[in-house]
Protein backbone atom coordinates (compact mmCIF):
# COMPACT_ATOMS: atom_id res chain seq x y z
CA MET A 1 11.59 -7.69 55.61
CA PHE A 2 13.10 -4.71 54.29
CA SER A 3 12.90 -4.11 50.40
CA LEU A 4 16.31 -4.03 48.53
CA THR A 5 16.19 -0.06 48.25
CA SER A 6 15.71 0.32 51.99
CA ARG A 7 18.56 1.37 54.20
CA TYR A 8 18.04 -1.56 56.55
CA TYR A 9 17.94 -4.19 53.64
CA GLY A 10 19.92 -7.00 54.94
CA LEU A 11 20.52 -5.83 58.63
CA PRO A 12 19.78 -8.51 61.61
CA ILE A 13 16.44 -8.45 63.30
CA LEU A 14 17.43 -8.60 67.37
CA LYS A 15 15.04 -9.38 69.98
CA ARG A 16 14.86 -8.98 73.23
CA LYS A 17 12.48 -10.03 76.16
CA THR A 18 10.98 -7.74 78.47
CA LYS A 19 11.07 -8.28 82.40
CA ASP A 20 7.20 -9.74 81.71
CA GLY A 21 8.34 -12.27 78.92
CA THR A 22 7.13 -10.28 75.97
CA GLU A 23 9.31 -10.45 73.04
CA ILE A 24 10.49 -7.44 71.32
CA ALA A 25 11.86 -7.34 67.75
CA PHE A 26 14.44 -4.62 66.64
CA VAL A 27 16.67 -4.00 63.49
CA SER A 28 20.33 -3.46 64.47
CA ARG A 29 22.06 -0.46 64.62
CA ARG A 30 23.13 0.78 61.31
CA PHE A 31 26.61 2.41 60.72
CA LEU A 32 27.69 5.35 57.96
CA PRO A 33 30.21 3.62 55.39
CA SER A 34 33.02 5.26 54.54
CA GLY A 35 32.81 7.63 51.82
CA ASP A 36 35.69 6.38 50.05
CA GLU A 37 33.63 3.35 49.64
CA PHE A 38 31.62 5.48 47.00
CA ASP A 39 32.85 6.44 43.08
CA PRO A 40 31.73 9.59 42.11
CA LEU A 41 29.54 10.70 39.02
CA LEU A 42 29.67 14.05 39.37
CA GLU A 43 29.20 17.02 42.13
CA HIS A 44 26.02 19.19 42.70
CA ARG A 45 26.23 22.75 44.41
CA VAL A 46 23.45 23.67 46.32
CA THR A 47 20.91 26.36 45.67
CA GLU A 48 18.58 28.54 48.35
CA GLY A 49 15.86 26.47 48.99
CA GLU A 50 16.84 23.00 47.88
CA ARG A 51 16.19 20.22 49.97
CA LEU A 52 17.61 16.16 49.88
CA ASP A 53 14.83 14.91 48.82
CA THR A 54 14.49 16.72 45.42
CA ILE A 55 18.22 16.60 44.25
CA THR A 56 17.76 13.18 44.95
CA ALA A 57 14.80 12.89 42.94
CA LYS A 58 16.72 14.77 40.23
CA TYR A 59 19.80 12.53 40.33
CA LEU A 60 18.15 8.88 41.17
CA ASP A 61 14.79 9.55 40.46
CA ASP A 62 13.40 8.49 43.80
CA PRO A 63 13.23 10.74 46.41
CA GLU A 64 12.87 8.20 49.36
CA GLN A 65 16.70 7.06 48.00
CA PHE A 66 17.97 10.52 50.07
CA TRP A 67 19.91 8.36 52.36
CA ARG A 68 21.96 7.06 49.55
CA ILE A 69 23.32 10.58 48.88
CA GLY A 70 23.56 10.99 52.82
CA ASP A 71 25.92 7.84 53.03
CA ALA A 72 28.03 8.63 50.10
CA ASN A 73 28.93 11.98 51.91
CA GLU A 74 29.09 10.71 55.16
CA ALA A 75 26.41 12.68 56.50
CA MET A 76 23.93 11.67 59.08
CA SER A 77 21.43 14.15 58.77
CA PRO A 78 19.68 15.40 55.33
CA PHE A 79 20.15 19.24 56.73
CA GLU A 80 24.12 18.87 56.70
CA LEU A 81 24.18 18.42 52.93
CA THR A 82 22.13 21.48 52.16
CA ASP A 83 23.33 24.31 54.39
CA PRO A 84 24.95 26.31 53.98
CA VAL A 85 23.87 27.23 50.44
CA GLY A 86 26.49 26.99 47.92
CA GLN A 87 28.54 23.86 49.30
CA LYS A 88 28.85 20.69 47.19
CA ILE A 89 27.79 16.96 47.73
CA ARG A 90 28.93 14.27 45.58
CA ILE A 91 26.01 12.17 43.65
CA THR A 92 27.52 8.81 43.50
CA LEU A 93 27.12 4.97 42.27
CA PRO A 94 25.47 3.07 44.94
CA GLN A 95 28.41 2.13 47.84
CA GLY A 96 30.40 -1.08 46.24
CA ILE A 97 29.62 -0.63 42.47
CA PRO A 98 32.62 0.54 40.80
CA GLY A 99 32.94 3.17 38.22
CA PRO A 100 34.78 2.90 35.05
CA ARG A 101 38.71 2.89 35.40
CA ASN A 102 40.92 4.99 33.25
CA GLY A 103 44.41 4.48 33.15
């Protein structure tokens, strides 16, 4: 139902019947993963006027994937990551994709 790049991909579709018998389908609740599940690539320092979608376009080449950066930084709202100016946000590999191990 959802594309592979959707934050809702793989979530179960649940159904509920109303009192009049109408069946309503909905996506089950999605929880934020732990930031520990992401291997970092770099840190980005937020500058004045930046938005999460433009930061995402710069690093992931797709502004609609802003939710991946939100997940990696354990942020529900995009505004948590761009306010205040000057804060650092983690740019990571996708959840569950391990980076190189030095050692």
